[in-house]
Amino acid sequence: MIAIVSPAKTLDFETEHSHQHTLPRFQKEALELIHELKKQSEENIAELMSISDKLAQLNVERYHNFTKKKDPVHAKHAIFAFQGDVYQGLQAETFNEDELEYSQKHFRILSGLYGLIRPLDLIQPYRLEMGTRLNVGEHANLYEYWQHKIAKQLNKDLKAQGDNLLINLASNEYFKSVDTKQLKAKVIDVDFKDHKNGEYKIISFYAKKARGLMSRFIIKNQPTTVEELKAFDYEGYYYDDKNSTEDLLAFKRG
């Protein structure tokens, strides 16, 4: 199985990690997108991404500092570079070498800039959310740009690791970039609900962290069936059989 998650807006390129690395498979496409982004002014970036002037300035600088070099000195393994709620749950810094090696085959990060990232791929600092309405050639937005490319690569990755199970732990914004019609996989969605005010509901912050917790569970336990995923019990979550279906695993807490 392969688990797939969203990236994070928050990045850490200060902390160092000494591990072997790989290079993104869609580096050519990333450079094409950077070329388009370099054409944008700070004002345009602020409007396009609905961010502050300060963040726009930072990201314009990032685009102009983006290099074609295969091993850029300011790049970092993706699994350690991304921060945020999902990655707080993932706790990648706790993985040993065997777990990192497993993650390289069974864990993927969707990205507006890089398309589909393996954990040990070197990435450079950037911000480009999948929902950004960036025109690229004949493509009106990033969904059009990436859909077929990501699905095709996922099919290859699924075949290489031996089955067709895709565990969707990504947000709707990012998973929409996967052309499911082209995808040769059984997609399993996962819901996490917390008890609040007398009912169980999806609470964004906790649900995001839970996606990271489930990713950590998969990397640590290396399950091979959907049935094994039902044993997930990190931080008080437990399997909710009543609200689960053949294509949806439901968990709740509280």
Protein backbone atom coordinates (compact mmCIF):
# COMPACT_ATOMS: atom_id res chain seq x y z
CA MET A 1 0.00 0.00 0.00
CA ILE A 2 0.91 3.62 -0.44
CA ALA A 3 -0.29 6.38 1.87
CA ILE A 4 -0.62 9.83 0.38
CA VAL A 5 -0.74 13.17 2.23
CA SER A 6 -0.77 16.90 1.56
CA PRO A 7 2.29 19.12 1.99
CA ALA A 8 2.48 21.97 4.54
CA LYS A 9 2.81 25.72 4.23
CA THR A 10 5.25 25.82 7.14
CA LEU A 11 8.78 24.76 6.22
CA ASP A 12 11.95 24.04 8.18
CA PHE A 13 15.16 24.40 6.22
CA GLU A 14 17.33 25.15 9.26
CA THR A 15 17.50 21.77 11.02
CA GLU A 16 20.02 19.44 9.40
CA HIS A 17 19.47 15.73 8.72
CA SER A 18 22.18 13.46 7.35
CA HIS A 19 20.53 10.79 5.21
CA GLN A 20 20.87 9.56 1.68
CA HIS A 21 18.64 11.46 -0.71
CA THR A 22 16.83 11.14 -4.00
CA LEU A 23 15.83 13.77 -6.54
CA PRO A 24 12.23 14.70 -7.40
CA ARG A 25 10.93 12.82 -10.45
CA PHE A 26 9.18 15.97 -11.73
CA GLN A 27 12.10 18.38 -11.52
CA LYS A 28 11.56 19.44 -15.14
CA GLU A 29 7.95 20.36 -14.38
CA ALA A 30 8.95 22.16 -11.19
CA LEU A 31 11.38 24.31 -13.15
CA GLU A 32 8.65 25.07 -15.70
CA LEU A 33 6.34 26.24 -12.90
CA ILE A 34 9.12 28.29 -11.30
CA HIS A 35 9.68 29.95 -14.69
CA GLU A 36 6.01 31.01 -14.71
CA LEU A 37 6.16 32.18 -11.09
CA LYS A 38 9.23 34.31 -11.76
CA LYS A 39 7.14 36.37 -14.18
CA GLN A 40 4.84 37.43 -11.34
CA SER A 41 5.36 40.60 -9.29
CA GLU A 42 5.06 40.61 -5.50
CA GLU A 43 1.66 42.25 -5.87
CA ASN A 44 0.47 39.54 -8.25
CA ILE A 45 1.73 36.76 -5.98
CA ALA A 46 -0.01 38.32 -2.97
CA GLU A 47 -3.29 38.42 -4.89
CA LEU A 48 -2.88 35.05 -6.60
CA MET A 49 -2.17 33.23 -3.33
CA SER A 50 -4.20 35.45 -0.97
CA ILE A 51 -1.17 36.07 1.24
CA SER A 52 0.35 39.12 2.92
CA ASP A 53 2.83 41.42 1.19
CA LYS A 54 5.56 40.10 3.48
CA LEU A 55 4.88 36.48 2.52
CA ALA A 56 4.66 37.47 -1.12
CA GLN A 57 8.09 39.09 -0.93
CA LEU A 58 9.53 35.98 0.75
CA ASN A 59 8.18 33.69 -1.92
CA VAL A 60 9.23 35.87 -4.83
CA GLU A 61 12.74 35.64 -3.36
CA ARG A 62 12.39 31.87 -3.13
CA TYR A 63 11.39 31.61 -6.80
CA HIS A 64 14.36 33.69 -7.89
CA ASN A 65 16.74 31.67 -5.71
CA PHE A 66 15.44 28.36 -7.07
CA THR A 67 18.29 26.57 -8.80
CA LYS A 68 18.55 23.95 -11.56
CA LYS A 69 21.43 22.22 -9.76
CA LYS A 70 20.73 18.56 -8.96
CA ASP A 71 22.04 18.88 -5.38
CA PRO A 72 21.28 22.45 -4.28
CA VAL A 73 22.96 23.37 -1.02
CA HIS A 74 19.81 24.89 0.46
CA ALA A 75 17.58 21.88 -0.30
CA LYS A 76 16.30 19.35 2.23
CA HIS A 77 14.60 15.94 2.41
CA ALA A 78 10.87 16.56 1.96
CA ILE A 79 9.82 14.44 4.93
CA PHE A 80 11.88 16.67 7.24
CA ALA A 81 11.29 19.99 5.45
CA PHE A 82 7.52 20.08 5.81
CA GLN A 83 6.12 21.11 9.18
CA GLY A 84 2.53 21.78 10.25
CA ASP A 85 -0.25 19.67 11.77
CA VAL A 86 0.12 16.53 9.61
CA TYR A 87 3.86 16.48 10.15
CA GLN A 88 3.50 16.97 13.91
CA GLY A 89 1.60 13.70 13.88
CA LEU A 90 4.08 12.05 11.53
CA GLN A 91 7.15 12.82 13.70
CA ALA A 92 9.56 11.86 10.92
CA GLU A 93 12.56 12.67 13.08
CA THR A 94 11.78 9.55 15.14
CA PHE A 95 12.12 7.16 12.18
CA ASN A 96 15.11 4.83 11.95
CA GLU A 97 16.85 4.01 8.66
CA ASP A 98 14.67 0.95 7.97
CA GLU A 99 11.51 3.01 8.49
CA LEU A 100 12.77 5.79 6.23
CA GLU A 101 13.58 3.20 3.57
CA TYR A 102 10.06 1.77 3.91
CA SER A 103 8.54 5.25 3.67
CA GLN A 104 10.40 5.85 0.44
CA LYS A 105 8.34 3.08 -1.17
CA HIS A 106 5.06 3.46 0.69
CA PHE A 107 4.56 7.16 1.47
CA ARG A 108 3.96 10.06 -0.92
CA ILE A 109 3.42 13.81 -0.58
CA LEU A 110 1.34 15.72 -3.11
CA SER A 111 2.74 19.10 -4.11
CA GLY A 112 1.67 22.05 -6.21
CA LEU A 113 5.26 22.54 -7.36
CA TYR A 114 6.73 19.02 -7.44
CA GLY A 115 3.60 17.02 -8.20
CA LEU A 116 4.38 13.86 -6.27
CA ILE A 117 7.23 13.70 -3.77
CA ARG A 118 9.00 10.78 -2.13
CA PRO A 119 10.09 11.34 1.49
CA LEU A 120 13.81 11.53 0.75
CA ASP A 121 13.51 13.70 -2.35
CA LEU A 122 15.45 16.94 -2.00
CA ILE A 123 13.14 19.94 -2.28
CA GLN A 124 13.88 23.66 -2.25
CA PRO A 125 11.90 26.25 -0.24
CA TYR A 126 8.68 27.21 -2.01
CA ARG A 127 5.01 28.00 -1.64
CA LEU A 128 2.56 26.92 -4.31
CA GLU A 129 -0.72 25.47 -3.13
CA MET A 130 -2.51 23.11 -5.49
CA GLY A 131 -5.57 25.36 -5.59
CA THR A 132 -3.57 28.32 -6.93
CA ARG A 133 -5.04 29.52 -10.25
CA LEU A 134 -1.74 29.63 -12.09
CA ASN A 135 -1.94 29.43 -15.88
CA VAL A 136 0.75 27.18 -17.36
CA GLY A 137 0.74 26.97 -21.13
CA GLU A 138 -2.59 25.42 -22.20
CA HIS A 139 -3.45 24.52 -18.60
CA ALA A 140 -5.79 26.90 -16.78
CA ASN A 141 -4.68 25.76 -13.33
CA LEU A 142 -2.48 23.31 -11.46
CA TYR A 143 -5.14 20.60 -11.38
CA GLU A 144 -5.14 20.45 -15.16
CA TYR A 145 -1.35 20.59 -15.18
CA TRP A 146 -0.79 17.73 -12.74
CA GLN A 147 -3.75 15.34 -12.94
CA HIS A 148 -2.48 12.89 -15.55
CA LYS A 149 1.16 13.14 -14.49
CA ILE A 150 0.49 12.34 -10.83
CA ALA A 151 -1.88 9.45 -11.56
CA LYS A 152 0.55 7.91 -14.04
CA GLN A 153 3.41 8.09 -11.52
CA LEU A 154 1.24 6.67 -8.72
CA ASN A 155 0.37 3.71 -10.96
CA LYS A 156 4.07 3.05 -11.47
CA ASP A 157 4.81 3.36 -7.76
CA LEU A 158 1.93 1.07 -6.80
CA LYS A 159 3.08 -1.55 -9.29
CA ALA A 160 6.65 -1.34 -8.02
CA GLN A 161 5.67 -1.98 -4.39
CA GLY A 162 3.37 -4.85 -5.21
CA ASP A 163 -0.33 -4.01 -4.77
CA ASN A 164 -3.02 -1.48 -5.72
CA LEU A 165 -3.99 -0.04 -2.32
CA LEU A 166 -3.87 3.75 -2.04
CA ILE A 167 -4.62 5.15 1.43
CA ASN A 168 -5.88 8.70 0.93
CA LEU A 169 -4.79 10.87 3.85
CA ALA A 170 -4.64 14.05 1.76
CA SER A 171 -6.99 17.01 1.89
CA ASN A 172 -9.70 17.39 -0.76
CA GLU A 173 -7.77 20.33 -2.23
CA TYR A 174 -4.79 18.12 -2.95
CA PHE A 175 -6.42 14.80 -3.76
CA LYS A 176 -8.38 16.52 -6.53
CA SER A 177 -5.05 16.69 -8.39
CA VAL A 178 -5.14 12.89 -8.83
CA ASP A 179 -7.02 11.68 -11.89
CA THR A 180 -8.86 8.79 -10.23
CA LYS A 181 -10.26 7.61 -13.58
CA GLN A 182 -6.71 6.94 -14.75
CA LEU A 183 -5.63 5.56 -11.37
CA LYS A 184 -5.29 1.77 -11.22
CA ALA A 185 -5.86 1.56 -7.50
CA LYS A 186 -8.37 0.82 -4.79
CA VAL A 187 -8.63 4.12 -2.92
CA ILE A 188 -9.35 3.96 0.81
CA ASP A 189 -10.43 7.23 2.40
CA VAL A 190 -9.98 7.78 6.14
CA ASP A 191 -12.05 9.92 8.52
CA PHE A 192 -11.07 11.03 12.02
CA LYS A 193 -13.73 12.43 14.34
CA ASP A 194 -13.42 13.86 17.84
CA HIS A 195 -16.11 14.16 20.50
CA LYS A 196 -17.18 17.74 21.11
CA ASN A 197 -20.36 19.28 22.51
CA GLY A 198 -22.08 15.91 22.71
CA GLU A 199 -21.34 14.72 19.18
CA TYR A 200 -18.57 13.33 17.01
CA LYS A 201 -17.34 15.66 14.32
CA ILE A 202 -14.31 16.31 12.13
CA ILE A 203 -12.24 19.04 13.78
CA SER A 204 -9.73 20.34 11.25
CA PHE A 205 -6.67 20.68 13.52
CA TYR A 206 -7.10 17.24 15.10
CA ALA A 207 -8.00 15.59 11.79
CA LYS A 208 -4.86 16.94 10.12
CA LYS A 209 -2.67 15.70 12.94
CA ALA A 210 -4.47 12.34 12.85
CA ARG A 211 -3.57 11.95 9.17
CA GLY A 212 0.06 12.27 10.23
CA LEU A 213 -0.49 9.81 13.07
CA MET A 214 -1.96 7.26 10.67
CA SER A 215 0.98 7.81 8.30
CA ARG A 216 3.35 7.14 11.21
CA PHE A 217 1.37 4.01 12.12
CA ILE A 218 1.75 2.72 8.57
CA ILE A 219 5.47 3.46 8.40
CA LYS A 220 6.12 1.95 11.84
CA ASN A 221 3.93 -1.17 11.44
CA GLN A 222 4.19 -1.77 7.69
CA PRO A 223 0.71 -3.25 7.19
CA THR A 224 -0.18 -5.04 3.97
CA THR A 225 -3.99 -5.11 4.24
CA VAL A 226 -6.80 -2.67 4.99
CA GLU A 227 -7.84 -4.92 7.86
CA GLU A 228 -4.53 -4.25 9.61
CA LEU A 229 -5.16 -0.50 9.46
CA LYS A 230 -8.15 -0.96 11.74
CA ALA A 231 -5.71 -1.55 14.62
CA PHE A 232 -4.69 2.12 14.51
CA ASP A 233 -4.94 3.43 18.08
CA TYR A 234 -2.53 6.35 18.37
CA GLU A 235 -3.45 9.13 20.82
CA GLY A 236 -6.79 7.62 21.79
CA TYR A 237 -8.32 6.98 18.36
CA TYR A 238 -10.16 3.72 17.73
CA TYR A 239 -11.82 2.05 14.78
CA ASP A 240 -15.47 2.99 14.23
CA ASP A 241 -17.00 -0.04 12.53
CA LYS A 242 -20.49 1.46 12.38
CA ASN A 243 -19.45 4.41 10.20
CA SER A 244 -16.88 2.57 8.08
CA THR A 245 -17.53 1.18 4.62
CA GLU A 246 -15.60 -0.87 2.07
CA ASP A 247 -13.91 2.33 0.83
CA LEU A 248 -13.84 4.36 4.05
CA LEU A 249 -12.13 3.71 7.37
CA ALA A 250 -13.67 5.74 10.18
CA PHE A 251 -11.96 6.43 13.49
CA LYS A 252 -13.12 8.42 16.47
CA ARG A 253 -11.82 9.60 19.82
CA GLY A 254 -13.39 10.72 23.07
